[in-house]
Amino acid sequence: MIISTESVSDPAGRVVLAAASQYTDKYFFNDSLGPIPDEVRKEVLVLLVWATEESGGMTIMGFEEDGSVYLASTAEEGDLGYDEISAGLTIREIEREHADLIEELEQWYREIVRKKG
């Protein structure tokens, strides 16, 4: 299932790699960045779906302008089921426990994607 998006960048101009949404029960993966190993793709999507199930709303992973990975959680206005504290803790847990994955993604983005573009 894919979240329909009109762009692959967020309002801050960062490049979105993937996202999961509780509102649509769907996920999005930005295939326009180029090939990425299936194992990495699956791990990213599993983490985002898990984070979204934990706190609600929508969880996004992408790249800053300098190539570093960012994780963000957001919710629609008035979503009383969204747990902002849980979202923050879940994101910190992903950053801590999956630091190797994040490092691999940053390296991939800097060496493959940025050089391509």
N, C-alpha and C. Protein backbone atom coordinates (compact mmCIF):
# COMPACT_ATOMS: atom_id res chain seq x y z
N MET A 1 0.85 -1.17 0.00
CA MET A 1 0.00 0.00 0.00
C MET A 1 0.89 1.24 0.00
N ILE A 2 0.53 2.24 -0.75
CA ILE A 2 1.35 3.43 -0.92
C ILE A 2 0.56 4.66 -0.50
N ILE A 3 1.21 5.55 0.22
CA ILE A 3 0.62 6.84 0.52
C ILE A 3 0.77 7.67 -0.75
N SER A 4 -0.29 8.25 -1.23
CA SER A 4 -0.12 9.07 -2.43
C SER A 4 0.49 10.40 -1.99
N THR A 5 1.51 10.80 -2.70
CA THR A 5 2.19 12.06 -2.40
C THR A 5 2.38 12.82 -3.68
N GLU A 6 2.40 14.12 -3.58
CA GLU A 6 2.63 14.94 -4.75
C GLU A 6 4.10 15.29 -4.89
N SER A 7 4.86 15.12 -3.84
CA SER A 7 6.28 15.43 -3.92
C SER A 7 7.03 14.47 -3.00
N VAL A 8 8.32 14.47 -3.16
CA VAL A 8 9.13 13.60 -2.31
C VAL A 8 10.00 14.44 -1.37
N SER A 9 9.56 15.67 -1.11
CA SER A 9 10.24 16.48 -0.12
C SER A 9 9.19 17.01 0.85
N ASP A 10 9.62 17.25 2.07
CA ASP A 10 8.69 17.76 3.07
C ASP A 10 8.69 19.29 3.02
N PRO A 11 7.84 19.94 3.80
CA PRO A 11 7.77 21.41 3.75
C PRO A 11 9.10 22.11 4.06
N ALA A 12 10.00 21.46 4.78
CA ALA A 12 11.29 22.06 5.10
C ALA A 12 12.31 21.83 3.98
N GLY A 13 11.90 21.16 2.90
CA GLY A 13 12.79 20.93 1.77
C GLY A 13 13.67 19.70 1.92
N ARG A 14 13.45 18.93 2.96
CA ARG A 14 14.22 17.70 3.14
C ARG A 14 13.66 16.62 2.22
N VAL A 15 14.51 15.69 1.83
CA VAL A 15 14.09 14.61 0.94
C VAL A 15 13.48 13.48 1.77
N VAL A 16 12.27 13.08 1.42
CA VAL A 16 11.58 12.01 2.12
C VAL A 16 12.01 10.67 1.52
N LEU A 17 12.45 9.75 2.38
CA LEU A 17 12.78 8.40 1.94
C LEU A 17 11.56 7.50 2.04
N ALA A 18 10.88 7.55 3.19
CA ALA A 18 9.74 6.67 3.43
C ALA A 18 8.86 7.26 4.52
N ALA A 19 7.60 6.81 4.53
CA ALA A 19 6.66 7.26 5.54
C ALA A 19 5.60 6.20 5.77
N ALA A 20 5.02 6.22 6.95
CA ALA A 20 3.90 5.34 7.28
C ALA A 20 2.82 6.19 7.94
N SER A 21 1.57 5.91 7.59
CA SER A 21 0.45 6.70 8.10
C SER A 21 -0.62 5.84 8.74
N GLN A 22 -1.00 6.21 9.93
CA GLN A 22 -2.10 5.55 10.62
C GLN A 22 -3.42 5.95 9.98
N TYR A 23 -3.48 7.13 9.40
CA TYR A 23 -4.74 7.64 8.84
C TYR A 23 -5.19 6.86 7.62
N THR A 24 -4.25 6.39 6.82
CA THR A 24 -4.60 5.67 5.60
C THR A 24 -4.25 4.19 5.69
N ASP A 25 -3.56 3.79 6.77
CA ASP A 25 -3.06 2.42 6.91
C ASP A 25 -2.20 2.03 5.72
N LYS A 26 -1.38 2.99 5.29
CA LYS A 26 -0.52 2.77 4.13
C LYS A 26 0.88 3.28 4.42
N TYR A 27 1.79 2.91 3.53
CA TYR A 27 3.14 3.43 3.61
C TYR A 27 3.58 3.91 2.25
N PHE A 28 4.64 4.69 2.24
CA PHE A 28 5.22 5.24 1.02
C PHE A 28 6.72 5.01 1.07
N PHE A 29 7.29 4.63 -0.06
CA PHE A 29 8.74 4.53 -0.18
C PHE A 29 9.14 5.25 -1.46
N ASN A 30 10.09 6.16 -1.35
CA ASN A 30 10.52 6.99 -2.46
C ASN A 30 11.47 6.22 -3.37
N ASP A 31 10.93 5.56 -4.36
CA ASP A 31 11.74 4.78 -5.29
C ASP A 31 12.52 5.64 -6.27
N SER A 32 12.21 6.93 -6.34
CA SER A 32 12.90 7.81 -7.29
C SER A 32 14.35 8.09 -6.88
N LEU A 33 14.71 7.75 -5.65
CA LEU A 33 16.09 7.98 -5.20
C LEU A 33 17.07 6.97 -5.80
N GLY A 34 16.57 5.86 -6.26
CA GLY A 34 17.43 4.85 -6.85
C GLY A 34 17.32 3.53 -6.11
N PRO A 35 18.01 2.53 -6.63
CA PRO A 35 17.91 1.20 -6.02
C PRO A 35 18.52 1.15 -4.61
N ILE A 36 17.83 0.45 -3.77
CA ILE A 36 18.29 0.25 -2.39
C ILE A 36 18.06 -1.22 -2.08
N PRO A 37 18.96 -1.86 -1.36
CA PRO A 37 18.78 -3.30 -1.07
C PRO A 37 17.42 -3.58 -0.42
N ASP A 38 16.80 -4.69 -0.85
CA ASP A 38 15.48 -5.06 -0.33
C ASP A 38 15.46 -5.19 1.19
N GLU A 39 16.54 -5.74 1.77
CA GLU A 39 16.59 -5.91 3.24
C GLU A 39 16.52 -4.56 3.94
N VAL A 40 17.22 -3.56 3.38
CA VAL A 40 17.23 -2.22 3.98
C VAL A 40 15.85 -1.59 3.83
N ARG A 41 15.28 -1.71 2.66
CA ARG A 41 13.94 -1.17 2.40
C ARG A 41 12.92 -1.76 3.39
N LYS A 42 12.95 -3.07 3.54
CA LYS A 42 12.01 -3.74 4.45
C LYS A 42 12.22 -3.29 5.89
N GLU A 43 13.48 -3.18 6.32
CA GLU A 43 13.77 -2.76 7.69
C GLU A 43 13.26 -1.34 7.95
N VAL A 44 13.48 -0.44 6.99
CA VAL A 44 12.99 0.93 7.14
C VAL A 44 11.48 0.94 7.27
N LEU A 45 10.79 0.23 6.40
CA LEU A 45 9.33 0.23 6.44
C LEU A 45 8.79 -0.41 7.71
N VAL A 46 9.40 -1.49 8.16
CA VAL A 46 8.98 -2.13 9.42
C VAL A 46 9.14 -1.16 10.58
N LEU A 47 10.25 -0.45 10.64
CA LEU A 47 10.48 0.51 11.73
C LEU A 47 9.46 1.64 11.70
N LEU A 48 9.16 2.15 10.51
CA LEU A 48 8.20 3.25 10.41
C LEU A 48 6.78 2.81 10.75
N VAL A 49 6.40 1.63 10.30
CA VAL A 49 5.07 1.11 10.63
C VAL A 49 4.97 0.87 12.13
N TRP A 50 6.01 0.28 12.72
CA TRP A 50 6.02 0.05 14.17
C TRP A 50 5.90 1.36 14.93
N ALA A 51 6.69 2.37 14.55
CA ALA A 51 6.65 3.66 15.24
C ALA A 51 5.27 4.29 15.13
N THR A 52 4.65 4.15 13.98
CA THR A 52 3.32 4.72 13.78
C THR A 52 2.27 3.97 14.62
N GLU A 53 2.41 2.66 14.71
CA GLU A 53 1.48 1.88 15.54
C GLU A 53 1.65 2.23 17.02
N GLU A 54 2.86 2.53 17.44
CA GLU A 54 3.13 2.86 18.84
C GLU A 54 2.49 4.18 19.26
N SER A 55 2.57 5.20 18.39
CA SER A 55 2.16 6.53 18.82
C SER A 55 1.06 7.16 17.98
N GLY A 56 0.75 6.56 16.84
CA GLY A 56 -0.29 7.12 15.99
C GLY A 56 0.29 8.13 15.00
N GLY A 57 -0.58 8.81 14.30
CA GLY A 57 -0.15 9.84 13.36
C GLY A 57 0.57 9.29 12.15
N MET A 58 1.67 9.93 11.83
CA MET A 58 2.46 9.56 10.67
C MET A 58 3.93 9.67 11.04
N THR A 59 4.73 8.69 10.61
CA THR A 59 6.16 8.70 10.88
C THR A 59 6.90 8.77 9.56
N ILE A 60 7.89 9.65 9.51
CA ILE A 60 8.62 9.92 8.27
C ILE A 60 10.12 9.75 8.50
N MET A 61 10.80 9.18 7.50
CA MET A 61 12.26 9.10 7.51
C MET A 61 12.74 9.70 6.20
N GLY A 62 13.80 10.50 6.30
CA GLY A 62 14.32 11.12 5.10
C GLY A 62 15.73 11.64 5.33
N PHE A 63 16.14 12.53 4.44
CA PHE A 63 17.49 13.05 4.47
C PHE A 63 17.49 14.57 4.53
N GLU A 64 18.35 15.09 5.40
CA GLU A 64 18.59 16.53 5.47
C GLU A 64 19.44 16.92 4.26
N GLU A 65 19.62 18.21 4.05
CA GLU A 65 20.41 18.70 2.93
C GLU A 65 21.85 18.16 2.96
N ASP A 66 22.40 17.98 4.17
CA ASP A 66 23.79 17.50 4.30
C ASP A 66 23.91 15.98 4.18
N GLY A 67 22.78 15.29 3.99
CA GLY A 67 22.79 13.84 3.82
C GLY A 67 22.52 13.07 5.09
N SER A 68 22.37 13.75 6.22
CA SER A 68 22.07 13.02 7.45
C SER A 68 20.60 12.60 7.46
N VAL A 69 20.35 11.47 8.12
CA VAL A 69 18.99 10.93 8.22
C VAL A 69 18.21 11.68 9.29
N TYR A 70 16.95 11.95 9.00
CA TYR A 70 16.07 12.48 10.04
C TYR A 70 14.86 11.57 10.17
N LEU A 71 14.32 11.52 11.37
CA LEU A 71 13.08 10.82 11.67
C LEU A 71 12.13 11.84 12.27
N ALA A 72 10.88 11.81 11.86
CA ALA A 72 9.91 12.75 12.39
C ALA A 72 8.56 12.06 12.54
N SER A 73 7.79 12.58 13.48
CA SER A 73 6.43 12.09 13.69
C SER A 73 5.51 13.30 13.70
N THR A 74 4.37 13.14 13.09
CA THR A 74 3.42 14.24 13.02
C THR A 74 1.99 13.68 13.09
N ALA A 75 1.07 14.56 13.39
CA ALA A 75 -0.33 14.14 13.47
C ALA A 75 -1.22 15.23 12.89
N GLU A 76 -2.39 14.81 12.45
CA GLU A 76 -3.37 15.77 11.98
C GLU A 76 -3.90 16.56 13.16
N GLU A 77 -4.26 17.80 12.90
CA GLU A 77 -4.80 18.65 13.95
C GLU A 77 -6.04 18.00 14.56
N GLY A 78 -6.11 18.00 15.87
CA GLY A 78 -7.26 17.44 16.56
C GLY A 78 -7.22 15.94 16.79
N ASP A 79 -6.12 15.29 16.43
CA ASP A 79 -5.99 13.84 16.63
C ASP A 79 -5.71 13.57 18.11
N LEU A 80 -6.74 13.22 18.85
CA LEU A 80 -6.60 13.01 20.29
C LEU A 80 -5.91 11.68 20.62
N GLY A 81 -5.81 10.78 19.66
CA GLY A 81 -5.16 9.50 19.87
C GLY A 81 -3.65 9.55 19.68
N TYR A 82 -3.14 10.65 19.15
CA TYR A 82 -1.70 10.78 18.90
C TYR A 82 -0.97 11.04 20.20
N ASP A 83 0.09 10.29 20.44
CA ASP A 83 0.87 10.42 21.66
C ASP A 83 2.25 11.00 21.32
N GLU A 84 2.39 12.31 21.47
CA GLU A 84 3.62 13.01 21.12
C GLU A 84 4.82 12.53 21.95
N ILE A 85 4.60 12.24 23.20
CA ILE A 85 5.70 11.77 24.06
C ILE A 85 6.16 10.39 23.60
N SER A 86 5.23 9.50 23.36
CA SER A 86 5.57 8.17 22.85
C SER A 86 6.28 8.26 21.51
N ALA A 87 5.83 9.16 20.65
CA ALA A 87 6.46 9.33 19.34
C ALA A 87 7.93 9.73 19.50
N GLY A 88 8.19 10.67 20.37
CA GLY A 88 9.57 11.11 20.61
C GLY A 88 10.43 9.99 21.16
N LEU A 89 9.90 9.24 22.12
CA LEU A 89 10.65 8.13 22.70
C LEU A 89 10.90 7.02 21.68
N THR A 90 9.92 6.75 20.85
CA THR A 90 10.06 5.72 19.83
C THR A 90 11.12 6.11 18.80
N ILE A 91 11.11 7.37 18.39
CA ILE A 91 12.12 7.84 17.44
C ILE A 91 13.52 7.75 18.05
N ARG A 92 13.67 8.13 19.30
CA ARG A 92 14.98 8.03 19.97
C ARG A 92 15.43 6.57 20.06
N GLU A 93 14.48 5.68 20.31
CA GLU A 93 14.81 4.25 20.39
C GLU A 93 15.30 3.74 19.02
N ILE A 94 14.63 4.14 17.96
CA ILE A 94 15.07 3.74 16.61
C ILE A 94 16.47 4.28 16.34
N GLU A 95 16.69 5.55 16.66
CA GLU A 95 18.01 6.16 16.42
C GLU A 95 19.10 5.42 17.19
N ARG A 96 18.80 5.01 18.40
CA ARG A 96 19.78 4.33 19.25
C ARG A 96 20.00 2.88 18.81
N GLU A 97 18.93 2.14 18.64
CA GLU A 97 19.04 0.71 18.37
C GLU A 97 19.31 0.36 16.91
N HIS A 98 19.13 1.32 16.03
CA HIS A 98 19.34 1.07 14.60
C HIS A 98 20.33 2.07 14.01
N ALA A 99 21.32 2.44 14.82
CA ALA A 99 22.34 3.40 14.39
C ALA A 99 23.10 2.90 13.16
N ASP A 100 23.34 1.59 13.08
CA ASP A 100 24.04 1.03 11.92
C ASP A 100 23.24 1.23 10.64
N LEU A 101 21.95 0.98 10.70
CA LEU A 101 21.08 1.19 9.54
C LEU A 101 21.10 2.65 9.12
N ILE A 102 21.00 3.54 10.07
CA ILE A 102 20.99 4.97 9.78
C ILE A 102 22.31 5.39 9.14
N GLU A 103 23.40 4.88 9.65
CA GLU A 103 24.71 5.18 9.08
C GLU A 103 24.82 4.66 7.64
N GLU A 104 24.31 3.46 7.40
CA GLU A 104 24.32 2.89 6.04
C GLU A 104 23.48 3.74 5.08
N LEU A 105 22.33 4.19 5.54
CA LEU A 105 21.47 5.03 4.71
C LEU A 105 22.15 6.35 4.39
N GLU A 106 22.80 6.95 5.37
CA GLU A 106 23.51 8.21 5.13
C GLU A 106 24.62 8.03 4.11
N GLN A 107 25.35 6.96 4.24
CA GLN A 107 26.44 6.67 3.31
C GLN A 107 25.87 6.44 1.90
N TRP A 108 24.81 5.65 1.81
CA TRP A 108 24.16 5.39 0.53
C TRP A 108 23.70 6.69 -0.11
N TYR A 109 23.06 7.55 0.66
CA TYR A 109 22.54 8.80 0.13
C TYR A 109 23.68 9.70 -0.37
N ARG A 110 24.71 9.83 0.43
CA ARG A 110 25.83 10.71 0.06
C ARG A 110 26.60 10.19 -1.15
N GLU A 111 26.81 8.87 -1.19
CA GLU A 111 27.66 8.30 -2.24
C GLU A 111 26.92 7.95 -3.51
N ILE A 112 25.66 7.60 -3.41
CA ILE A 112 24.92 7.15 -4.59
C ILE A 112 23.95 8.24 -5.07
N VAL A 113 23.08 8.67 -4.20
CA VAL A 113 22.00 9.58 -4.60
C VAL A 113 22.53 10.96 -4.94
N ARG A 114 23.33 11.55 -4.05
CA ARG A 114 23.80 12.92 -4.29
C ARG A 114 24.74 12.99 -5.48
N LYS A 115 25.56 11.97 -5.71
CA LYS A 115 26.47 11.98 -6.84
C LYS A 115 25.71 11.80 -8.15
N LYS A 116 24.59 11.07 -8.07
CA LYS A 116 23.76 10.84 -9.26
C LYS A 116 23.09 12.14 -9.69
N GLY A 117 22.62 12.91 -8.69
CA GLY A 117 21.86 14.12 -8.99
C GLY A 117 22.73 15.26 -9.19
